[in-house]
Amino acid sequence: MRRAEMIGVLMRIFSFSLVSWMGPDSPFLFVWVFNTVDAALLSWCALLRRDPAYTVLNLFWILVGLVGIARAAGMLH
């Protein structure tokens, strides 16, 4: 589980770093999908650890990610 958590954390750092470095030229759909996958991975780890705070936080990030994906794909205006 520690390895999965580290992968999720590194994925999140990578996605936010990409947006920070590239700004408006960032591949936003890719970033949102990548960020949502890491949120799912970290939610699963938090559930296994029975950590309610991190479970709620990462489930929230999944919802934010789904909205971000819809917006980046042009489904929401």
C-alpha atoms as a PDB file:
ATOM      1  CA  MET A   1       0.000   0.000   0.000  1.00  0.00           C
ATOM      2  CA  ARG A   2       2.867   2.400   0.688  1.00  0.00           C
ATOM      3  CA  ARG A   3       4.010   2.042  -2.908  1.00  0.00           C
ATOM      4  CA  ALA A   4       0.508   2.789  -4.227  1.00  0.00           C
ATOM      5  CA  GLU A   5       0.274   5.878  -2.023  1.00  0.00           C
ATOM      6  CA  MET A   6       3.671   7.108  -3.194  1.00  0.00           C
ATOM      7  CA  ILE A   7       2.660   6.600  -6.823  1.00  0.00           C
ATOM      8  CA  GLY A   8      -0.557   8.569  -6.204  1.00  0.00           C
ATOM      9  CA  VAL A   9       1.326  11.401  -4.507  1.00  0.00           C
ATOM     10  CA  LEU A  10       3.911  11.561  -7.297  1.00  0.00           C
ATOM     11  CA  MET A  11       1.125  11.591  -9.888  1.00  0.00           C
ATOM     12  CA  ARG A  12      -0.502  14.544  -8.118  1.00  0.00           C
ATOM     13  CA  ILE A  13       2.794  16.431  -7.882  1.00  0.00           C
ATOM     14  CA  PHE A  14       3.430  15.792 -11.580  1.00  0.00           C
ATOM     15  CA  SER A  15      -0.005  16.986 -12.697  1.00  0.00           C
ATOM     16  CA  PHE A  16       0.106  20.204 -10.669  1.00  0.00           C
ATOM     17  CA  SER A  17       3.707  20.843 -11.719  1.00  0.00           C
ATOM     18  CA  LEU A  18       2.739  20.449 -15.371  1.00  0.00           C
ATOM     19  CA  VAL A  19       0.052  23.120 -15.028  1.00  0.00           C
ATOM     20  CA  SER A  20       2.417  25.392 -13.081  1.00  0.00           C
ATOM     21  CA  TRP A  21       5.171  25.106 -15.688  1.00  0.00           C
ATOM     22  CA  MET A  22       3.068  25.220 -18.827  1.00  0.00           C
ATOM     23  CA  GLY A  23       0.291  27.571 -17.712  1.00  0.00           C
ATOM     24  CA  PRO A  24      -2.380  28.079 -20.380  1.00  0.00           C
ATOM     25  CA  ASP A  25      -0.509  25.744 -22.758  1.00  0.00           C
ATOM     26  CA  SER A  26      -1.087  22.790 -20.402  1.00  0.00           C
ATOM     27  CA  PRO A  27      -2.888  19.733 -21.745  1.00  0.00           C
ATOM     28  CA  PHE A  28      -5.789  20.303 -19.338  1.00  0.00           C
ATOM     29  CA  LEU A  29      -7.809  17.216 -20.274  1.00  0.00           C
ATOM     30  CA  PHE A  30      -4.769  15.004 -19.676  1.00  0.00           C
ATOM     31  CA  VAL A  31      -4.039  16.753 -16.375  1.00  0.00           C
ATOM     32  CA  TRP A  32      -7.620  16.334 -15.139  1.00  0.00           C
ATOM     33  CA  VAL A  33      -7.735  12.660 -16.110  1.00  0.00           C
ATOM     34  CA  PHE A  34      -4.332  12.026 -14.522  1.00  0.00           C
ATOM     35  CA  ASN A  35      -5.348  13.904 -11.355  1.00  0.00           C
ATOM     36  CA  THR A  36      -8.645  11.996 -11.111  1.00  0.00           C
ATOM     37  CA  VAL A  37      -6.841   8.657 -11.437  1.00  0.00           C
ATOM     38  CA  ASP A  38      -4.454   9.597  -8.633  1.00  0.00           C
ATOM     39  CA  ALA A  39      -7.420  10.674  -6.493  1.00  0.00           C
ATOM     40  CA  ALA A  40      -9.039   7.273  -7.051  1.00  0.00           C
ATOM     41  CA  LEU A  41      -5.803   5.515  -6.099  1.00  0.00           C
ATOM     42  CA  LEU A  42      -5.355   7.632  -2.968  1.00  0.00           C
ATOM     43  CA  SER A  43      -9.046   7.191  -2.033  1.00  0.00           C
ATOM     44  CA  TRP A  44      -8.641   3.432  -2.217  1.00  0.00           C
ATOM     45  CA  CYS A  45      -5.551   3.596   0.016  1.00  0.00           C
ATOM     46  CA  ALA A  46      -7.354   5.856   2.511  1.00  0.00           C
ATOM     47  CA  LEU A  47     -10.325   3.478   2.600  1.00  0.00           C
ATOM     48  CA  LEU A  48      -8.030   0.525   3.289  1.00  0.00           C
ATOM     49  CA  ARG A  49      -6.326   2.481   6.055  1.00  0.00           C
ATOM     50  CA  ARG A  50      -9.739   3.467   7.446  1.00  0.00           C
ATOM     51  CA  ASP A  51      -8.735   7.116   7.355  1.00  0.00           C
ATOM     52  CA  PRO A  52     -11.981   9.080   7.027  1.00  0.00           C
ATOM     53  CA  ALA A  53     -10.382  12.505   6.548  1.00  0.00           C
ATOM     54  CA  TYR A  54      -8.233  11.452   3.592  1.00  0.00           C
ATOM     55  CA  THR A  55     -11.033   9.332   2.192  1.00  0.00           C
ATOM     56  CA  VAL A  56     -13.354  12.361   2.089  1.00  0.00           C
ATOM     57  CA  LEU A  57     -10.608  14.611   0.729  1.00  0.00           C
ATOM     58  CA  ASN A  58      -9.724  12.287  -2.125  1.00  0.00           C
ATOM     59  CA  LEU A  59     -13.344  11.417  -2.949  1.00  0.00           C
ATOM     60  CA  PHE A  60     -13.891  15.173  -3.198  1.00  0.00           C
ATOM     61  CA  TRP A  61     -10.939  15.371  -5.620  1.00  0.00           C
ATOM     62  CA  ILE A  62     -12.549  12.667  -7.746  1.00  0.00           C
ATOM     63  CA  LEU A  63     -15.708  14.798  -8.042  1.00  0.00           C
ATOM     64  CA  VAL A  64     -13.655  17.906  -8.832  1.00  0.00           C
ATOM     65  CA  GLY A  65     -11.735  15.875 -11.398  1.00  0.00           C
ATOM     66  CA  LEU A  66     -14.888  14.676 -13.113  1.00  0.00           C
ATOM     67  CA  VAL A  67     -16.091  18.273 -13.439  1.00  0.00           C
ATOM     68  CA  GLY A  68     -12.646  19.305 -14.719  1.00  0.00           C
ATOM     69  CA  ILE A  69     -12.689  16.504 -17.289  1.00  0.00           C
ATOM     70  CA  ALA A  70     -16.158  17.529 -18.474  1.00  0.00           C
ATOM     71  CA  ARG A  71     -15.092  21.180 -18.762  1.00  0.00           C
ATOM     72  CA  ALA A  72     -11.801  20.388 -20.537  1.00  0.00           C
ATOM     73  CA  ALA A  73     -13.641  18.115 -22.978  1.00  0.00           C
ATOM     74  CA  GLY A  74     -16.150  20.889 -23.727  1.00  0.00           C
ATOM     75  CA  MET A  75     -19.134  19.098 -22.190  1.00  0.00           C
ATOM     76  CA  LEU A  76     -19.811  21.935 -19.714  1.00  0.00           C
ATOM     77  CA  HIS A  77     -19.786  25.602 -20.560  1.00  0.00           C
END
